[in-house]
Amino acid sequence: MPAWLLYTLLSPFFVLASTAAFFFTLTRGTLIMRGAFGTSRQDAAHVYFIYSNMRLIKLVDFQPIIAAILLFQYDRLVSSITDGLRRTNLDGKKVLITSCAFGNVIPRIVAAAVESGARRVLIADIITNELMHAQGKLNEFSGKVEFLEEDASAMKQEDGSVDVNVIFFLLHELPHHLKDKALREAARVLAPGGKLYLAEFHRPDAWLLRALSWTYFKVFEPLGLALWNSHDPLKQIDALGGFTCEHHTVFFGNFQIIVATKNLTAC
């Protein structure tokens, strides 16, 4: 076999292997190293290095990459949330985005909220660099957006202080005991009649996609597999009580959108 043909055949494998090694090092590899060096008990120890280093944030936050990670369903998932916001009268109300996310999700959510009349949009994240990066995407909304360095599992917001809360692909990265805390906090800060929009991974319907997803989670993000069973967010929200939930899945069940409306009688 000619050398050039061999290199051509091996090139895609090399690119995929290099990409996988890169993301493994900066995701699960980070947690393994922190555990080895005894730094896993810090408040932000569960946060991947890729989310805290500004150079890496700017390197990875490239829309085609982010879309590919979510199997090119990113736009569909974000649109499901923004369409819901545009159908809601938010005149004079307050919207919370709990945790920053890569891609254009934050600018699109802020734009939809402002168009619907929201007087204030709060963006909360435990990592300062994530907030700074998000701020750079929202210059046109200056005066409408407030950036808060807060932990999703221990929010500083008052009970019932926001009318909409958006959580976009956060739970799968949280340790299991924090998944429950984050949902309880999301429910606590939401006003009666308010809505929680939650986008996350879901157990795929097709066995092949399920096998591929299981492998992905096992290698890169093992905390995410609990969303399939013990920490199913829909079941956890139902268990909290006081919510009426709408639920639909996307791309053969691989992703889910939950819209949980807090009952008016909830205290």
Protein backbone atom coordinates (compact mmCIF):
# COMPACT_ATOMS: atom_id res chain seq x y z
CA MET A 1 0.00 0.00 0.00
CA PRO A 2 1.41 3.42 -0.89
CA ALA A 3 2.45 5.51 2.09
CA TRP A 4 0.22 8.43 1.06
CA LEU A 5 -2.84 6.16 0.99
CA LEU A 6 -2.01 4.74 4.41
CA TYR A 7 -1.67 8.25 5.86
CA THR A 8 -4.96 9.26 4.24
CA LEU A 9 -6.77 6.32 5.80
CA LEU A 10 -5.21 6.88 9.21
CA SER A 11 -5.75 10.65 9.30
CA PRO A 12 -9.44 10.57 10.38
CA PHE A 13 -8.63 8.09 13.14
CA PHE A 14 -5.75 10.29 14.33
CA VAL A 15 -7.97 13.39 14.37
CA LEU A 16 -10.73 11.62 16.30
CA ALA A 17 -8.28 10.06 18.77
CA SER A 18 -6.54 13.40 19.36
CA THR A 19 -9.86 15.17 19.89
CA ALA A 20 -11.03 12.50 22.33
CA ALA A 21 -7.74 12.67 24.26
CA PHE A 22 -7.98 16.47 24.40
CA PHE A 23 -11.48 16.48 25.84
CA PHE A 24 -10.80 13.58 28.19
CA THR A 25 -7.78 15.40 29.65
CA LEU A 26 -9.80 18.55 30.28
CA THR A 27 -12.97 16.86 31.55
CA ARG A 28 -12.87 13.57 33.42
CA GLY A 29 -9.07 13.63 33.49
CA THR A 30 -9.27 16.82 35.53
CA LEU A 31 -11.41 15.13 38.17
CA ILE A 32 -9.10 12.12 38.33
CA MET A 33 -6.08 14.36 38.90
CA ARG A 34 -7.85 16.39 41.57
CA GLY A 35 -8.78 13.21 43.37
CA ALA A 36 -5.20 11.97 43.18
CA PHE A 37 -3.85 15.21 44.64
CA GLY A 38 -6.52 15.48 47.33
CA THR A 39 -8.20 18.65 46.03
CA SER A 40 -11.59 17.10 45.28
CA ARG A 41 -13.30 18.53 48.36
CA GLN A 42 -13.22 22.15 47.20
CA ASP A 43 -16.55 23.82 46.36
CA ALA A 44 -15.76 23.92 42.63
CA ALA A 45 -13.82 20.65 42.50
CA HIS A 46 -16.44 19.09 40.22
CA VAL A 47 -15.94 21.82 37.58
CA TYR A 48 -13.91 20.73 34.59
CA PHE A 49 -10.70 22.64 33.88
CA ILE A 50 -12.04 23.39 30.41
CA TYR A 51 -14.67 25.65 32.01
CA SER A 52 -12.39 27.61 34.31
CA ASN A 53 -9.40 28.53 32.13
CA MET A 54 -10.18 31.54 29.94
CA ARG A 55 -7.87 30.49 27.10
CA LEU A 56 -9.51 27.08 26.92
CA ILE A 57 -12.97 28.60 27.11
CA LYS A 58 -12.24 30.79 24.10
CA LEU A 59 -10.60 27.91 22.24
CA VAL A 60 -13.45 25.45 22.69
CA ASP A 61 -16.45 27.80 22.58
CA PHE A 62 -16.84 27.51 18.81
CA GLN A 63 -20.41 26.98 17.62
CA PRO A 64 -19.74 24.08 15.19
CA ILE A 65 -17.85 22.17 17.92
CA ILE A 66 -20.62 22.72 20.45
CA ALA A 67 -23.26 21.70 17.92
CA ALA A 68 -21.36 18.51 17.11
CA ILE A 69 -21.10 17.55 20.81
CA LEU A 70 -24.90 17.65 21.01
CA LEU A 71 -25.21 15.67 17.75
CA PHE A 72 -26.27 18.80 15.87
CA GLN A 73 -29.42 19.15 17.97
CA TYR A 74 -28.14 22.27 19.72
CA ASP A 75 -30.20 24.78 17.71
CA ARG A 76 -33.35 22.69 18.11
CA LEU A 77 -32.91 22.45 21.88
CA VAL A 78 -32.23 26.16 22.32
CA SER A 79 -35.14 27.08 20.05
CA SER A 80 -37.48 24.98 22.21
CA ILE A 81 -36.62 27.23 25.15
CA THR A 82 -36.58 30.58 23.34
CA ASP A 83 -39.90 29.83 21.62
CA GLY A 84 -41.41 29.19 25.03
CA LEU A 85 -40.04 32.46 26.38
CA ARG A 86 -41.41 34.41 23.42
CA ARG A 87 -44.87 32.95 24.06
CA THR A 88 -44.74 34.13 27.67
CA ASN A 89 -45.61 37.61 28.91
CA LEU A 90 -42.57 38.61 30.95
CA ASP A 91 -43.40 42.31 31.33
CA GLY A 92 -41.52 43.63 34.35
CA LYS A 93 -40.42 40.16 35.38
CA LYS A 94 -37.07 38.60 36.22
CA VAL A 95 -35.36 35.73 34.38
CA LEU A 96 -32.54 33.60 35.79
CA ILE A 97 -30.04 31.54 33.79
CA THR A 98 -28.46 29.08 36.20
CA SER A 99 -24.94 28.29 34.97
CA CYS A 100 -23.29 29.50 31.79
CA ALA A 101 -23.08 27.29 28.73
CA PHE A 102 -21.00 27.33 25.58
CA GLY A 103 -22.40 28.35 22.22
CA ASN A 104 -25.06 30.98 21.55
CA VAL A 105 -27.63 29.73 24.05
CA ILE A 106 -27.16 32.61 26.52
CA PRO A 107 -27.44 35.46 23.96
CA ARG A 108 -30.50 33.79 22.43
CA ILE A 109 -32.21 33.30 25.80
CA VAL A 110 -31.45 36.85 26.90
CA ALA A 111 -32.76 38.22 23.59
CA ALA A 112 -35.98 36.20 23.87
CA ALA A 113 -36.49 37.26 27.49
CA VAL A 114 -35.95 40.95 26.72
CA GLU A 115 -38.25 40.77 23.69
CA SER A 116 -40.94 39.33 25.97
CA GLY A 117 -40.57 42.27 28.34
CA ALA A 118 -38.27 40.96 31.09
CA ARG A 119 -36.90 43.82 33.15
CA ARG A 120 -33.87 41.90 34.33
CA VAL A 121 -31.93 38.79 33.37
CA LEU A 122 -29.66 37.24 36.00
CA ILE A 123 -26.83 34.95 34.92
CA ALA A 124 -25.34 32.88 37.74
CA ASP A 125 -22.25 30.68 37.63
CA ILE A 126 -19.72 29.40 40.14
CA ILE A 127 -16.78 30.23 37.83
CA THR A 128 -15.74 33.87 37.37
CA ASN A 129 -14.18 33.31 33.94
CA GLU A 130 -17.40 31.79 32.64
CA LEU A 131 -19.29 34.92 33.68
CA MET A 132 -16.68 37.17 32.09
CA HIS A 133 -16.86 35.17 28.87
CA ALA A 134 -20.66 35.32 28.83
CA GLN A 135 -20.55 39.07 29.44
CA GLY A 136 -18.52 39.50 26.26
CA LYS A 137 -21.41 37.99 24.28
CA LEU A 138 -24.03 40.34 25.72
CA ASN A 139 -22.74 43.87 25.12
CA GLU A 140 -25.96 44.87 23.34
CA PHE A 141 -27.97 44.06 26.47
CA SER A 142 -25.96 46.27 28.82
CA GLY A 143 -28.14 47.44 31.71
CA LYS A 144 -30.55 44.53 31.34
CA VAL A 145 -28.23 41.73 32.52
CA GLU A 146 -26.68 41.08 35.92
CA PHE A 147 -23.83 38.58 36.44
CA LEU A 148 -23.69 36.67 39.73
CA GLU A 149 -20.95 34.39 41.04
CA GLU A 150 -23.14 31.77 42.71
CA ASP A 151 -23.33 28.02 43.23
CA ALA A 152 -26.37 26.38 41.60
CA SER A 153 -26.72 24.11 44.63
CA ALA A 154 -26.72 27.01 47.12
CA MET A 155 -28.21 30.08 45.47
CA LYS A 156 -28.24 33.45 47.21
CA GLN A 157 -31.53 34.50 45.60
CA GLU A 158 -34.59 34.89 47.80
CA ASP A 159 -37.50 32.46 47.73
CA GLY A 160 -39.82 33.07 44.78
CA SER A 161 -37.67 35.89 43.42
CA VAL A 162 -37.54 34.91 39.71
CA ASP A 163 -40.26 34.20 37.20
CA VAL A 164 -38.26 32.00 34.83
CA ASN A 165 -35.24 29.80 35.50
CA VAL A 166 -33.26 28.21 32.65
CA ILE A 167 -30.83 25.33 33.27
CA PHE A 168 -29.07 24.19 30.10
CA PHE A 169 -27.02 20.97 30.36
CA LEU A 170 -25.74 21.44 33.90
CA LEU A 171 -27.09 18.48 35.88
CA HIS A 172 -25.10 15.78 34.07
CA GLU A 173 -21.85 17.36 35.27
CA LEU A 174 -22.82 17.68 38.93
CA PRO A 175 -22.00 15.07 41.59
CA HIS A 176 -25.15 13.14 42.43
CA HIS A 177 -25.79 14.81 45.79
CA LEU A 178 -25.61 18.21 44.09
CA LYS A 179 -28.06 17.28 41.34
CA ASP A 180 -30.86 17.10 43.90
CA LYS A 181 -29.71 20.29 45.65
CA ALA A 182 -29.57 22.22 42.38
CA LEU A 183 -33.13 21.23 41.48
CA ARG A 184 -34.37 22.11 44.95
CA GLU A 185 -32.72 25.53 44.67
CA ALA A 186 -34.17 26.01 41.20
CA ALA A 187 -37.62 25.30 42.63
CA ARG A 188 -37.11 27.48 45.69
CA VAL A 189 -36.15 30.68 43.85
CA LEU A 190 -39.00 30.32 41.35
CA ALA A 191 -42.14 32.36 41.96
CA PRO A 192 -45.58 30.67 41.93
CA GLY A 193 -46.69 30.47 38.32
CA GLY A 194 -43.07 30.68 37.16
CA LYS A 195 -41.43 28.24 34.77
CA LEU A 196 -38.29 26.15 34.97
CA TYR A 197 -36.80 25.26 31.57
CA LEU A 198 -34.43 22.33 31.82
CA ALA A 199 -32.47 20.84 28.90
CA GLU A 200 -30.46 17.66 29.49
CA PHE A 201 -29.35 14.29 28.18
CA HIS A 202 -31.88 11.45 28.22
CA ARG A 203 -31.78 7.66 27.85
CA PRO A 204 -31.96 7.04 24.08
CA ASP A 205 -34.71 4.86 22.65
CA ALA A 206 -32.61 3.15 19.96
CA TRP A 207 -30.28 0.47 21.33
CA LEU A 208 -27.32 1.51 19.15
CA LEU A 209 -27.53 5.15 20.19
CA ARG A 210 -28.01 4.02 23.79
CA ALA A 211 -24.82 1.93 23.60
CA LEU A 212 -22.87 4.82 22.11
CA SER A 213 -24.20 7.24 24.74
CA TRP A 214 -23.39 4.82 27.54
CA THR A 215 -19.82 4.54 26.25
CA TYR A 216 -19.49 8.31 25.95
CA PHE A 217 -20.66 8.86 29.51
CA LYS A 218 -18.51 6.08 30.92
CA VAL A 219 -15.38 7.53 29.32
CA PHE A 220 -15.94 11.26 29.55
CA GLU A 221 -18.76 12.11 31.96
CA PRO A 222 -19.72 9.19 34.22
CA LEU A 223 -21.86 11.43 36.43
CA GLY A 224 -24.32 11.82 33.56
CA LEU A 225 -25.51 8.20 33.50
CA ALA A 226 -27.53 8.75 36.68
CA LEU A 227 -29.92 10.90 34.63
CA TRP A 228 -31.13 7.66 33.04
CA ASN A 229 -32.36 6.19 36.31
CA SER A 230 -31.60 7.21 39.90
CA HIS A 231 -31.45 10.95 39.16
CA ASP A 232 -33.96 11.28 36.35
CA PRO A 233 -34.71 15.04 36.51
CA LEU A 234 -38.38 14.61 35.58
CA LYS A 235 -38.91 12.18 38.45
CA GLN A 236 -36.94 14.42 40.81
CA ILE A 237 -39.05 17.46 39.95
CA ASP A 238 -42.25 15.43 40.36
CA ALA A 239 -40.97 14.29 43.76
CA LEU A 240 -40.53 17.91 44.87
CA GLY A 241 -44.23 18.47 44.46
CA GLY A 242 -45.96 21.70 43.48
CA PHE A 243 -45.09 21.52 39.77
CA THR A 244 -46.90 20.71 36.57
CA CYS A 245 -44.45 19.34 33.99
CA GLU A 246 -44.33 19.19 30.21
CA HIS A 247 -41.73 16.80 28.83
CA HIS A 248 -40.52 15.94 25.36
CA THR A 249 -37.48 14.23 23.94
CA VAL A 250 -35.33 15.00 20.91
CA PHE A 251 -33.29 12.88 18.46
CA PHE A 252 -34.52 9.36 19.24
CA GLY A 253 -34.79 10.17 22.94
CA ASN A 254 -31.15 11.23 23.34
CA PHE A 255 -32.04 14.67 24.76
CA GLN A 256 -34.92 16.05 26.78
CA ILE A 257 -36.63 19.35 27.48
CA ILE A 258 -38.63 19.76 30.67
CA VAL A 259 -40.86 22.77 31.26
CA ALA A 260 -41.96 22.72 34.90
CA THR A 261 -44.54 25.30 35.95
CA LYS A 262 -44.73 26.06 39.65
CA ASN A 263 -48.29 25.82 40.94
CA LEU A 264 -49.87 29.11 42.00
CA THR A 265 -50.70 27.61 45.39
CA ALA A 266 -47.06 26.53 46.00
CA CYS A 267 -45.45 28.14 48.99
